Amino acid sequence: MRDLSRRCGTLLLCVAMSACTTMHVVADGADAVKAVAARPVDGLVVGETLLIVGRDGKKLDFKLAAIEADALRGTVDGQERRIAFGQIERIERGRVDGVKTTGIVVGALVLLGVAAGRAISNDVTSKIPKSK
């Protein structure tokens, strides 16, 4: 039983690490970055956390504080940063994925039900006297 619980726990952790959120590309390329920053309706929102991929391939978790005419201003690891649009290759934003979240919750409940059923079954069979 303990082995089954460990396997279930390991599986749930692996799935949970990839479920719930999905990264969506907001802008890909310098022109797209400038365009999305200029559209307040469907563009970037001050206060959101973004994944910024630079022209050099470096990735930054960036909390957006302001959109300037030629750059984004925000924080990376608690430090103020200003990143010019020309240095940004791609911007991605994390979104909660309802289907994945529901799937992980249902999967966890099913696995817990199976584990509980096996535990009850083992308890019942261990208490039945063996015939000679």
N, C-alpha and C. Protein backbone atom coordinates (compact mmCIF):
# COMPACT_ATOMS: atom_id res chain seq x y z
N MET A 1 0.82 -1.20 0.00
CA MET A 1 0.00 0.00 0.00
C MET A 1 0.87 1.26 0.00
N ARG A 2 1.92 1.24 0.78
CA ARG A 2 2.79 2.39 0.87
C ARG A 2 3.46 2.66 -0.49
N ASP A 3 3.82 1.58 -1.20
CA ASP A 3 4.44 1.73 -2.52
C ASP A 3 3.46 2.37 -3.50
N LEU A 4 2.20 1.94 -3.46
CA LEU A 4 1.18 2.52 -4.34
C LEU A 4 0.98 4.00 -4.04
N SER A 5 0.96 4.34 -2.78
CA SER A 5 0.79 5.75 -2.38
C SER A 5 1.94 6.61 -2.89
N ARG A 6 3.14 6.09 -2.80
CA ARG A 6 4.31 6.84 -3.29
C ARG A 6 4.24 7.03 -4.79
N ARG A 7 3.86 5.98 -5.49
CA ARG A 7 3.75 6.08 -6.96
C ARG A 7 2.68 7.10 -7.35
N CYS A 8 1.54 7.03 -6.68
CA CYS A 8 0.45 7.98 -6.96
C CYS A 8 0.90 9.41 -6.66
N GLY A 9 1.56 9.59 -5.55
CA GLY A 9 2.05 10.92 -5.18
C GLY A 9 3.05 11.46 -6.18
N THR A 10 3.95 10.61 -6.62
CA THR A 10 4.95 11.02 -7.61
C THR A 10 4.28 11.40 -8.92
N LEU A 11 3.33 10.59 -9.36
CA LEU A 11 2.60 10.88 -10.59
C LEU A 11 1.85 12.20 -10.49
N LEU A 12 1.17 12.42 -9.37
CA LEU A 12 0.42 13.67 -9.18
C LEU A 12 1.35 14.89 -9.20
N LEU A 13 2.50 14.78 -8.56
CA LEU A 13 3.44 15.91 -8.58
C LEU A 13 3.93 16.22 -9.98
N CYS A 14 4.24 15.17 -10.75
CA CYS A 14 4.71 15.38 -12.12
C CYS A 14 3.64 16.05 -12.98
N VAL A 15 2.42 15.59 -12.86
CA VAL A 15 1.33 16.15 -13.65
C VAL A 15 1.02 17.57 -13.18
N ALA A 16 1.01 17.80 -11.89
CA ALA A 16 0.68 19.12 -11.35
C ALA A 16 1.68 20.18 -11.78
N MET A 17 2.94 19.78 -11.97
CA MET A 17 3.95 20.75 -12.37
C MET A 17 3.70 21.28 -13.78
N SER A 18 3.04 20.49 -14.63
CA SER A 18 2.79 20.94 -15.99
C SER A 18 1.35 21.39 -16.22
N ALA A 19 0.48 21.10 -15.29
CA ALA A 19 -0.94 21.45 -15.46
C ALA A 19 -1.21 22.85 -14.95
N CYS A 20 -2.44 23.23 -15.05
CA CYS A 20 -2.98 24.48 -14.52
C CYS A 20 -2.61 25.72 -15.32
N THR A 21 -1.37 25.90 -15.72
CA THR A 21 -1.04 27.09 -16.51
C THR A 21 -0.43 26.71 -17.84
N THR A 22 -0.66 27.56 -18.81
CA THR A 22 -0.11 27.38 -20.14
C THR A 22 0.45 28.73 -20.57
N MET A 23 1.60 28.72 -21.20
CA MET A 23 2.19 29.96 -21.69
C MET A 23 1.65 30.24 -23.09
N HIS A 24 1.21 31.49 -23.30
CA HIS A 24 0.70 31.93 -24.59
C HIS A 24 1.60 33.05 -25.10
N VAL A 25 1.98 32.96 -26.36
CA VAL A 25 2.82 33.99 -26.96
C VAL A 25 1.96 35.22 -27.18
N VAL A 26 2.39 36.34 -26.62
CA VAL A 26 1.69 37.61 -26.78
C VAL A 26 2.24 38.34 -28.00
N ALA A 27 3.55 38.31 -28.18
CA ALA A 27 4.19 38.98 -29.30
C ALA A 27 5.47 38.25 -29.66
N ASP A 28 5.69 38.07 -30.95
CA ASP A 28 6.90 37.38 -31.43
C ASP A 28 7.54 38.25 -32.50
N GLY A 29 8.70 38.81 -32.19
CA GLY A 29 9.40 39.70 -33.12
C GLY A 29 9.29 41.14 -32.65
N ALA A 30 10.26 41.95 -33.04
CA ALA A 30 10.35 43.33 -32.57
C ALA A 30 9.12 44.15 -32.95
N ASP A 31 8.62 44.02 -34.17
CA ASP A 31 7.46 44.79 -34.60
C ASP A 31 6.22 44.40 -33.81
N ALA A 32 6.05 43.10 -33.57
CA ALA A 32 4.90 42.61 -32.81
C ALA A 32 4.96 43.09 -31.36
N VAL A 33 6.16 43.14 -30.80
CA VAL A 33 6.32 43.62 -29.41
C VAL A 33 5.89 45.07 -29.32
N LYS A 34 6.32 45.90 -30.26
CA LYS A 34 5.93 47.31 -30.25
C LYS A 34 4.43 47.46 -30.42
N ALA A 35 3.85 46.66 -31.30
CA ALA A 35 2.41 46.76 -31.58
C ALA A 35 1.58 46.36 -30.37
N VAL A 36 1.94 45.27 -29.72
CA VAL A 36 1.15 44.80 -28.57
C VAL A 36 1.29 45.74 -27.38
N ALA A 37 2.43 46.38 -27.24
CA ALA A 37 2.62 47.33 -26.15
C ALA A 37 1.78 48.58 -26.36
N ALA A 38 1.49 48.92 -27.61
CA ALA A 38 0.72 50.12 -27.93
C ALA A 38 -0.80 49.90 -27.84
N ARG A 39 -1.26 48.65 -27.76
CA ARG A 39 -2.70 48.36 -27.72
C ARG A 39 -3.14 48.08 -26.29
N PRO A 40 -3.68 49.05 -25.60
CA PRO A 40 -4.07 48.83 -24.21
C PRO A 40 -5.25 47.86 -24.05
N VAL A 41 -6.09 47.72 -25.05
CA VAL A 41 -7.27 46.88 -24.92
C VAL A 41 -6.91 45.40 -24.87
N ASP A 42 -6.15 44.92 -25.84
CA ASP A 42 -5.81 43.50 -25.87
C ASP A 42 -4.31 43.25 -25.75
N GLY A 43 -3.58 44.26 -25.32
CA GLY A 43 -2.14 44.14 -25.20
C GLY A 43 -1.69 43.78 -23.80
N LEU A 44 -0.63 44.41 -23.37
CA LEU A 44 -0.04 44.13 -22.07
C LEU A 44 -0.77 44.89 -20.96
N VAL A 45 -0.79 44.29 -19.78
CA VAL A 45 -1.48 44.90 -18.64
C VAL A 45 -0.46 45.13 -17.52
N VAL A 46 -0.40 46.36 -17.05
CA VAL A 46 0.51 46.69 -15.95
C VAL A 46 0.14 45.83 -14.74
N GLY A 47 1.18 45.23 -14.13
CA GLY A 47 0.99 44.39 -12.96
C GLY A 47 1.07 42.90 -13.26
N GLU A 48 0.93 42.52 -14.54
CA GLU A 48 0.99 41.10 -14.87
C GLU A 48 2.44 40.63 -14.97
N THR A 49 2.63 39.33 -14.77
CA THR A 49 3.96 38.74 -14.88
C THR A 49 4.09 38.12 -16.27
N LEU A 50 5.18 38.45 -16.93
CA LEU A 50 5.43 38.00 -18.30
C LEU A 50 6.74 37.24 -18.37
N LEU A 51 6.86 36.42 -19.39
CA LEU A 51 8.14 35.80 -19.71
C LEU A 51 8.69 36.56 -20.91
N ILE A 52 9.80 37.24 -20.70
CA ILE A 52 10.44 38.03 -21.75
C ILE A 52 11.63 37.23 -22.28
N VAL A 53 11.65 37.00 -23.59
CA VAL A 53 12.78 36.33 -24.23
C VAL A 53 13.53 37.39 -25.02
N GLY A 54 14.80 37.57 -24.66
CA GLY A 54 15.61 38.59 -25.32
C GLY A 54 16.18 38.11 -26.65
N ARG A 55 16.72 39.04 -27.40
CA ARG A 55 17.35 38.71 -28.70
C ARG A 55 18.51 37.72 -28.51
N ASP A 56 19.13 37.74 -27.32
CA ASP A 56 20.24 36.84 -27.02
C ASP A 56 19.75 35.46 -26.54
N GLY A 57 18.41 35.27 -26.44
CA GLY A 57 17.85 34.00 -26.00
C GLY A 57 17.63 33.90 -24.50
N LYS A 58 18.06 34.91 -23.76
CA LYS A 58 17.90 34.90 -22.31
C LYS A 58 16.44 35.11 -21.95
N LYS A 59 15.95 34.34 -20.96
CA LYS A 59 14.55 34.41 -20.53
C LYS A 59 14.47 35.07 -19.15
N LEU A 60 13.51 35.98 -19.01
CA LEU A 60 13.33 36.70 -17.75
C LEU A 60 11.87 36.64 -17.31
N ASP A 61 11.64 36.34 -16.04
CA ASP A 61 10.30 36.49 -15.45
C ASP A 61 10.19 37.95 -15.06
N PHE A 62 9.30 38.66 -15.73
CA PHE A 62 9.25 40.11 -15.68
C PHE A 62 7.89 40.56 -15.18
N LYS A 63 7.85 41.32 -14.08
CA LYS A 63 6.59 41.89 -13.59
C LYS A 63 6.49 43.31 -14.15
N LEU A 64 5.52 43.50 -15.03
CA LEU A 64 5.38 44.76 -15.76
C LEU A 64 4.89 45.89 -14.85
N ALA A 65 5.64 46.99 -14.83
CA ALA A 65 5.28 48.15 -14.02
C ALA A 65 4.78 49.30 -14.89
N ALA A 66 5.34 49.43 -16.10
CA ALA A 66 4.93 50.53 -16.98
C ALA A 66 5.32 50.21 -18.42
N ILE A 67 4.55 50.79 -19.34
CA ILE A 67 4.86 50.68 -20.76
C ILE A 67 5.26 52.07 -21.23
N GLU A 68 6.52 52.19 -21.65
CA GLU A 68 7.03 53.47 -22.11
C GLU A 68 7.00 53.48 -23.64
N ALA A 69 7.35 54.62 -24.23
CA ALA A 69 7.31 54.76 -25.69
C ALA A 69 8.26 53.80 -26.39
N ASP A 70 9.39 53.49 -25.76
CA ASP A 70 10.39 52.65 -26.42
C ASP A 70 10.84 51.45 -25.59
N ALA A 71 10.17 51.20 -24.44
CA ALA A 71 10.64 50.13 -23.57
C ALA A 71 9.55 49.70 -22.59
N LEU A 72 9.83 48.56 -21.96
CA LEU A 72 8.99 48.08 -20.87
C LEU A 72 9.77 48.27 -19.58
N ARG A 73 9.08 48.72 -18.54
CA ARG A 73 9.72 48.90 -17.25
C ARG A 73 9.04 47.98 -16.26
N GLY A 74 9.84 47.32 -15.41
CA GLY A 74 9.29 46.41 -14.43
C GLY A 74 10.37 45.85 -13.53
N THR A 75 10.06 44.72 -12.90
CA THR A 75 11.03 44.12 -11.99
C THR A 75 11.34 42.68 -12.40
N VAL A 76 12.59 42.32 -12.20
CA VAL A 76 13.09 40.96 -12.41
C VAL A 76 13.82 40.58 -11.12
N ASP A 77 13.35 39.54 -10.45
CA ASP A 77 13.95 39.12 -9.18
C ASP A 77 14.04 40.26 -8.18
N GLY A 78 13.02 41.11 -8.14
CA GLY A 78 12.97 42.21 -7.18
C GLY A 78 13.76 43.43 -7.57
N GLN A 79 14.45 43.40 -8.70
CA GLN A 79 15.25 44.55 -9.13
C GLN A 79 14.57 45.26 -10.29
N GLU A 80 14.57 46.59 -10.24
CA GLU A 80 13.98 47.39 -11.32
C GLU A 80 14.77 47.18 -12.61
N ARG A 81 14.04 47.00 -13.70
CA ARG A 81 14.69 46.82 -15.01
C ARG A 81 13.91 47.61 -16.05
N ARG A 82 14.62 48.05 -17.06
CA ARG A 82 14.03 48.70 -18.22
C ARG A 82 14.55 47.96 -19.43
N ILE A 83 13.65 47.42 -20.23
CA ILE A 83 14.06 46.63 -21.40
C ILE A 83 13.51 47.30 -22.65
N ALA A 84 14.42 47.71 -23.52
CA ALA A 84 14.03 48.37 -24.77
C ALA A 84 13.35 47.36 -25.70
N PHE A 85 12.37 47.81 -26.47
CA PHE A 85 11.65 46.93 -27.38
C PHE A 85 12.60 46.22 -28.36
N GLY A 86 13.66 46.92 -28.76
CA GLY A 86 14.62 46.34 -29.69
C GLY A 86 15.38 45.14 -29.12
N GLN A 87 15.42 45.00 -27.79
CA GLN A 87 16.11 43.89 -27.14
C GLN A 87 15.20 42.69 -26.92
N ILE A 88 13.90 42.86 -27.17
CA ILE A 88 12.92 41.79 -26.89
C ILE A 88 12.60 41.02 -28.16
N GLU A 89 12.76 39.72 -28.10
CA GLU A 89 12.42 38.85 -29.23
C GLU A 89 10.97 38.35 -29.11
N ARG A 90 10.57 37.98 -27.89
CA ARG A 90 9.23 37.41 -27.70
C ARG A 90 8.73 37.71 -26.29
N ILE A 91 7.41 37.88 -26.19
CA ILE A 91 6.76 38.07 -24.89
C ILE A 91 5.70 36.97 -24.76
N GLU A 92 5.73 36.29 -23.60
CA GLU A 92 4.74 35.25 -23.32
C GLU A 92 4.06 35.56 -21.99
N ARG A 93 2.80 35.11 -21.87
CA ARG A 93 2.06 35.31 -20.63
C ARG A 93 1.47 33.98 -20.20
N GLY A 94 1.50 33.73 -18.90
CA GLY A 94 0.92 32.50 -18.36
C GLY A 94 -0.56 32.68 -18.12
N ARG A 95 -1.34 31.69 -18.52
CA ARG A 95 -2.78 31.72 -18.31
C ARG A 95 -3.20 30.42 -17.65
N VAL A 96 -4.18 30.52 -16.76
CA VAL A 96 -4.73 29.31 -16.14
C VAL A 96 -5.50 28.54 -17.20
N ASP A 97 -5.20 27.26 -17.31
CA ASP A 97 -5.85 26.39 -18.29
C ASP A 97 -6.91 25.57 -17.56
N GLY A 98 -8.18 25.91 -17.77
CA GLY A 98 -9.29 25.26 -17.08
C GLY A 98 -9.37 23.78 -17.33
N VAL A 99 -9.11 23.35 -18.58
CA VAL A 99 -9.20 21.93 -18.91
C VAL A 99 -8.13 21.14 -18.16
N LYS A 100 -6.91 21.63 -18.17
CA LYS A 100 -5.83 20.94 -17.47
C LYS A 100 -6.07 20.92 -15.97
N THR A 101 -6.54 22.03 -15.42
CA THR A 101 -6.80 22.09 -13.99
C THR A 101 -7.89 21.11 -13.60
N THR A 102 -8.97 21.07 -14.37
CA THR A 102 -10.04 20.12 -14.10
C THR A 102 -9.54 18.69 -14.21
N GLY A 103 -8.74 18.43 -15.23
CA GLY A 103 -8.18 17.09 -15.42
C GLY A 103 -7.33 16.64 -14.25
N ILE A 104 -6.50 17.52 -13.72
CA ILE A 104 -5.64 17.14 -12.60
C ILE A 104 -6.46 16.90 -11.34
N VAL A 105 -7.50 17.70 -11.12
CA VAL A 105 -8.34 17.52 -9.94
C VAL A 105 -9.11 16.19 -10.04
N VAL A 106 -9.71 15.93 -11.20
CA VAL A 106 -10.45 14.67 -11.39
C VAL A 106 -9.50 13.48 -11.28
N GLY A 107 -8.33 13.58 -11.91
CA GLY A 107 -7.34 12.50 -11.83
C GLY A 107 -6.91 12.22 -10.40
N ALA A 108 -6.68 13.28 -9.64
CA ALA A 108 -6.28 13.12 -8.24
C ALA A 108 -7.38 12.43 -7.44
N LEU A 109 -8.62 12.82 -7.68
CA LEU A 109 -9.74 12.20 -6.96
C LEU A 109 -9.88 10.72 -7.32
N VAL A 110 -9.71 10.39 -8.59
CA VAL A 110 -9.79 8.99 -9.01
C VAL A 110 -8.67 8.18 -8.37
N LEU A 111 -7.46 8.71 -8.40
CA LEU A 111 -6.33 7.98 -7.80
C LEU A 111 -6.51 7.82 -6.30
N LEU A 112 -7.02 8.83 -5.64
CA LEU A 112 -7.27 8.71 -4.20
C LEU A 112 -8.36 7.67 -3.93
N GLY A 113 -9.38 7.63 -4.77
CA GLY A 113 -10.44 6.64 -4.63
C GLY A 113 -9.92 5.22 -4.81
N VAL A 114 -9.07 5.03 -5.82
CA VAL A 114 -8.48 3.70 -6.05
C VAL A 114 -7.60 3.30 -4.87
N ALA A 115 -6.78 4.23 -4.39
CA ALA A 115 -5.91 3.92 -3.25
C ALA A 115 -6.74 3.59 -2.00
N ALA A 116 -7.80 4.36 -1.77
CA ALA A 116 -8.66 4.09 -0.61
C ALA A 116 -9.35 2.74 -0.75
N GLY A 117 -9.83 2.42 -1.95
CA GLY A 117 -10.47 1.13 -2.20
C GLY A 117 -9.54 -0.03 -1.96
N ARG A 118 -8.32 0.10 -2.40
CA ARG A 118 -7.33 -0.97 -2.19
C ARG A 118 -7.00 -1.11 -0.71
N ALA A 119 -6.91 0.01 -0.01
CA ALA A 119 -6.60 -0.05 1.42
C ALA A 119 -7.73 -0.74 2.18
N ILE A 120 -8.97 -0.40 1.84
CA ILE A 120 -10.12 -1.04 2.50
C ILE A 120 -10.16 -2.51 2.16
N SER A 121 -9.92 -2.84 0.91
CA SER A 121 -9.92 -4.24 0.47
C SER A 121 -8.85 -5.05 1.21
N ASN A 122 -7.68 -4.48 1.36
CA ASN A 122 -6.60 -5.16 2.08
C ASN A 122 -6.95 -5.35 3.55
N ASP A 123 -7.58 -4.35 4.16
CA ASP A 123 -7.98 -4.47 5.57
C ASP A 123 -9.03 -5.56 5.76
N VAL A 124 -10.00 -5.62 4.86
CA VAL A 124 -11.08 -6.61 4.97
C VAL A 124 -10.53 -8.02 4.78
N THR A 125 -9.70 -8.21 3.76
CA THR A 125 -9.17 -9.55 3.50
C THR A 125 -8.20 -10.01 4.57
N SER A 126 -7.51 -9.08 5.21
CA SER A 126 -6.58 -9.49 6.27
C SER A 126 -7.30 -9.92 7.54
N LYS A 127 -8.55 -9.50 7.72
CA LYS A 127 -9.30 -9.85 8.93
C LYS A 127 -10.13 -11.12 8.76
N ILE A 128 -10.25 -11.61 7.55
CA ILE A 128 -10.98 -12.84 7.30
C ILE A 128 -10.08 -14.02 7.69
N PRO A 129 -10.58 -14.90 8.57
CA PRO A 129 -9.72 -16.03 8.99
C PRO A 129 -9.48 -16.97 7.82
N LYS A 130 -8.25 -17.45 7.74
CA LYS A 130 -7.89 -18.36 6.66
C LYS A 130 -8.37 -19.78 7.04
N SER A 131 -8.94 -20.44 6.05
CA SER A 131 -9.42 -21.81 6.30
C SER A 131 -8.29 -22.82 6.13
N LYS A 132 -8.37 -23.93 6.88
CA LYS A 132 -7.31 -24.92 6.84
C LYS A 132 -7.63 -26.04 5.92
